[in-house]
Amino acid sequence: MPKVKSHKAVLKRVKITASGKVKFKRAFSGHLMSHKTGQKCQQLRGKRLAKSGDITRLAKMLHRPLKAG
């Protein structure tokens, strides 16, 4: 029986906390910030927790149990 490998692209983009929640960086926050409002830039700065709709898909890719944020 072969080893079960986790999805490497997902592992590069998320961080799994000790309690099993998934943190990730929001989209549209890399560059081109001059036309966005200051409030929008502040919102984009922080990390987000994955919602329950994404948890089942991420758990299958990473082969481990996860919790919704």
N, C-alpha and C. Protein backbone atom coordinates (compact mmCIF):
# COMPACT_ATOMS: atom_id res chain seq x y z
N MET A 1 0.85 -1.19 0.00
CA MET A 1 0.00 0.00 0.00
C MET A 1 0.90 1.25 0.00
N PRO A 2 0.70 2.17 -0.95
CA PRO A 2 1.55 3.36 -1.00
C PRO A 2 1.23 4.34 0.10
N LYS A 3 2.17 5.23 0.33
CA LYS A 3 1.96 6.28 1.33
C LYS A 3 0.90 7.25 0.87
N VAL A 4 0.19 7.84 1.81
CA VAL A 4 -0.79 8.87 1.50
C VAL A 4 -0.06 10.21 1.60
N LYS A 5 -0.02 10.95 0.49
CA LYS A 5 0.72 12.20 0.46
C LYS A 5 -0.24 13.38 0.54
N SER A 6 0.17 14.39 1.27
CA SER A 6 -0.64 15.60 1.36
C SER A 6 -0.40 16.48 0.14
N HIS A 7 -1.35 17.33 -0.17
CA HIS A 7 -1.30 18.20 -1.34
C HIS A 7 -0.33 19.34 -1.07
N LYS A 8 0.80 19.35 -1.77
CA LYS A 8 1.88 20.29 -1.47
C LYS A 8 1.51 21.74 -1.77
N ALA A 9 0.68 21.98 -2.80
CA ALA A 9 0.28 23.34 -3.12
C ALA A 9 -0.55 23.95 -2.00
N VAL A 10 -1.38 23.13 -1.36
CA VAL A 10 -2.20 23.62 -0.25
C VAL A 10 -1.31 23.90 0.96
N LEU A 11 -0.35 23.04 1.21
CA LEU A 11 0.53 23.23 2.36
C LEU A 11 1.36 24.51 2.25
N LYS A 12 1.66 24.93 1.02
CA LYS A 12 2.42 26.16 0.84
C LYS A 12 1.58 27.41 1.10
N ARG A 13 0.26 27.27 1.01
CA ARG A 13 -0.62 28.42 1.11
C ARG A 13 -1.36 28.56 2.42
N VAL A 14 -1.36 27.53 3.25
CA VAL A 14 -2.09 27.58 4.51
C VAL A 14 -1.18 27.23 5.67
N LYS A 15 -1.64 27.59 6.87
CA LYS A 15 -0.97 27.19 8.11
C LYS A 15 -2.02 26.54 8.98
N ILE A 16 -1.72 25.38 9.51
CA ILE A 16 -2.66 24.67 10.37
C ILE A 16 -2.25 24.92 11.81
N THR A 17 -3.20 25.44 12.59
CA THR A 17 -2.91 25.77 13.98
C THR A 17 -2.88 24.50 14.82
N ALA A 18 -2.48 24.63 16.07
CA ALA A 18 -2.39 23.48 16.97
C ALA A 18 -3.75 22.86 17.23
N SER A 19 -4.81 23.67 17.19
CA SER A 19 -6.15 23.15 17.44
C SER A 19 -6.79 22.57 16.18
N GLY A 20 -6.12 22.67 15.02
CA GLY A 20 -6.64 22.08 13.79
C GLY A 20 -7.37 23.05 12.89
N LYS A 21 -7.32 24.35 13.19
CA LYS A 21 -7.94 25.34 12.32
C LYS A 21 -6.97 25.71 11.20
N VAL A 22 -7.50 26.25 10.12
CA VAL A 22 -6.69 26.55 8.94
C VAL A 22 -6.64 28.06 8.75
N LYS A 23 -5.42 28.63 8.76
CA LYS A 23 -5.23 30.05 8.53
C LYS A 23 -4.65 30.24 7.13
N PHE A 24 -5.08 31.32 6.45
CA PHE A 24 -4.57 31.61 5.12
C PHE A 24 -4.60 33.11 4.87
N LYS A 25 -3.84 33.54 3.88
CA LYS A 25 -3.78 34.94 3.51
C LYS A 25 -4.86 35.23 2.47
N ARG A 26 -5.47 36.38 2.56
CA ARG A 26 -6.54 36.75 1.65
C ARG A 26 -6.01 37.10 0.26
N ALA A 27 -6.86 36.95 -0.73
CA ALA A 27 -6.52 37.32 -2.09
C ALA A 27 -6.55 38.84 -2.25
N PHE A 28 -5.97 39.35 -3.33
CA PHE A 28 -5.95 40.78 -3.68
C PHE A 28 -5.15 41.61 -2.68
N SER A 29 -4.19 41.02 -2.00
CA SER A 29 -3.44 41.78 -1.00
C SER A 29 -1.94 41.79 -1.28
N GLY A 30 -1.52 41.38 -2.47
CA GLY A 30 -0.10 41.30 -2.76
C GLY A 30 0.51 42.61 -3.23
N HIS A 31 -0.18 43.29 -4.16
CA HIS A 31 0.36 44.53 -4.73
C HIS A 31 -0.81 45.32 -5.30
N LEU A 32 -0.50 46.45 -5.97
CA LEU A 32 -1.52 47.35 -6.52
C LEU A 32 -2.48 47.84 -5.44
N MET A 33 -1.92 48.36 -4.35
CA MET A 33 -2.73 48.79 -3.22
C MET A 33 -3.10 50.27 -3.29
N SER A 34 -2.55 51.02 -4.26
CA SER A 34 -2.75 52.46 -4.26
C SER A 34 -4.18 52.86 -4.59
N HIS A 35 -4.90 52.06 -5.35
CA HIS A 35 -6.27 52.42 -5.68
C HIS A 35 -7.28 51.87 -4.68
N LYS A 36 -6.83 51.10 -3.70
CA LYS A 36 -7.72 50.56 -2.68
C LYS A 36 -7.77 51.53 -1.50
N THR A 37 -8.89 51.54 -0.80
CA THR A 37 -9.02 52.43 0.34
C THR A 37 -8.16 51.93 1.50
N GLY A 38 -7.87 52.82 2.44
CA GLY A 38 -7.08 52.43 3.60
C GLY A 38 -7.77 51.37 4.42
N GLN A 39 -9.10 51.46 4.53
CA GLN A 39 -9.86 50.47 5.29
C GLN A 39 -9.75 49.09 4.63
N LYS A 40 -9.80 49.06 3.31
CA LYS A 40 -9.68 47.80 2.58
C LYS A 40 -8.30 47.19 2.78
N CYS A 41 -7.26 48.04 2.76
CA CYS A 41 -5.89 47.56 2.96
C CYS A 41 -5.71 46.96 4.34
N GLN A 42 -6.33 47.59 5.34
CA GLN A 42 -6.25 47.07 6.70
C GLN A 42 -6.94 45.72 6.82
N GLN A 43 -8.08 45.57 6.15
CA GLN A 43 -8.80 44.31 6.20
C GLN A 43 -8.02 43.19 5.51
N LEU A 44 -7.32 43.53 4.44
CA LEU A 44 -6.56 42.53 3.69
C LEU A 44 -5.30 42.10 4.42
N ARG A 45 -4.85 42.90 5.38
CA ARG A 45 -3.57 42.64 6.04
C ARG A 45 -3.59 41.38 6.90
N GLY A 46 -4.70 41.12 7.57
CA GLY A 46 -4.73 40.01 8.52
C GLY A 46 -4.95 38.67 7.87
N LYS A 47 -4.70 37.62 8.61
CA LYS A 47 -4.97 36.26 8.17
C LYS A 47 -6.43 35.93 8.42
N ARG A 48 -6.94 34.97 7.69
CA ARG A 48 -8.32 34.54 7.86
C ARG A 48 -8.34 33.08 8.24
N LEU A 49 -9.44 32.64 8.84
CA LEU A 49 -9.65 31.23 9.15
C LEU A 49 -10.61 30.65 8.13
N ALA A 50 -10.36 29.42 7.73
CA ALA A 50 -11.20 28.77 6.72
C ALA A 50 -12.57 28.48 7.31
N LYS A 51 -13.59 28.65 6.49
CA LYS A 51 -14.97 28.40 6.90
C LYS A 51 -15.30 26.92 6.75
N SER A 52 -16.45 26.53 7.28
CA SER A 52 -16.82 25.12 7.30
C SER A 52 -17.02 24.56 5.89
N GLY A 53 -17.42 25.40 4.93
CA GLY A 53 -17.61 24.90 3.57
C GLY A 53 -16.33 24.44 2.91
N ASP A 54 -15.20 25.01 3.30
CA ASP A 54 -13.92 24.64 2.71
C ASP A 54 -13.20 23.54 3.49
N ILE A 55 -13.62 23.31 4.71
CA ILE A 55 -12.89 22.38 5.58
C ILE A 55 -12.91 20.96 5.05
N THR A 56 -14.04 20.49 4.53
CA THR A 56 -14.10 19.12 4.04
C THR A 56 -13.16 18.92 2.86
N ARG A 57 -13.10 19.90 1.95
CA ARG A 57 -12.21 19.81 0.79
C ARG A 57 -10.75 19.84 1.22
N LEU A 58 -10.41 20.74 2.16
CA LEU A 58 -9.02 20.83 2.64
C LEU A 58 -8.63 19.58 3.42
N ALA A 59 -9.54 19.02 4.19
CA ALA A 59 -9.23 17.82 4.97
C ALA A 59 -8.93 16.65 4.04
N LYS A 60 -9.63 16.55 2.91
CA LYS A 60 -9.35 15.48 1.95
C LYS A 60 -7.98 15.68 1.31
N MET A 61 -7.63 16.93 1.01
CA MET A 61 -6.34 17.19 0.38
C MET A 61 -5.18 16.94 1.32
N LEU A 62 -5.38 17.25 2.60
CA LEU A 62 -4.28 17.14 3.56
C LEU A 62 -4.30 15.85 4.36
N HIS A 63 -5.35 15.05 4.21
CA HIS A 63 -5.47 13.76 4.88
C HIS A 63 -5.32 13.87 6.39
N ARG A 64 -6.04 14.83 6.96
CA ARG A 64 -6.03 14.98 8.41
C ARG A 64 -7.31 15.71 8.83
N PRO A 65 -7.77 15.46 10.04
CA PRO A 65 -8.99 16.14 10.50
C PRO A 65 -8.73 17.61 10.79
N LEU A 66 -9.67 18.46 10.39
CA LEU A 66 -9.54 19.90 10.58
C LEU A 66 -10.80 20.44 11.21
N LYS A 67 -10.70 21.63 11.80
CA LYS A 67 -11.86 22.30 12.40
C LYS A 67 -12.14 23.58 11.65
N ALA A 68 -13.40 23.96 11.64
CA ALA A 68 -13.78 25.24 11.02
C ALA A 68 -13.43 26.36 11.97
N GLY A 69 -13.08 27.52 11.41
CA GLY A 69 -12.71 28.68 12.20
C GLY A 69 -13.92 29.42 12.55
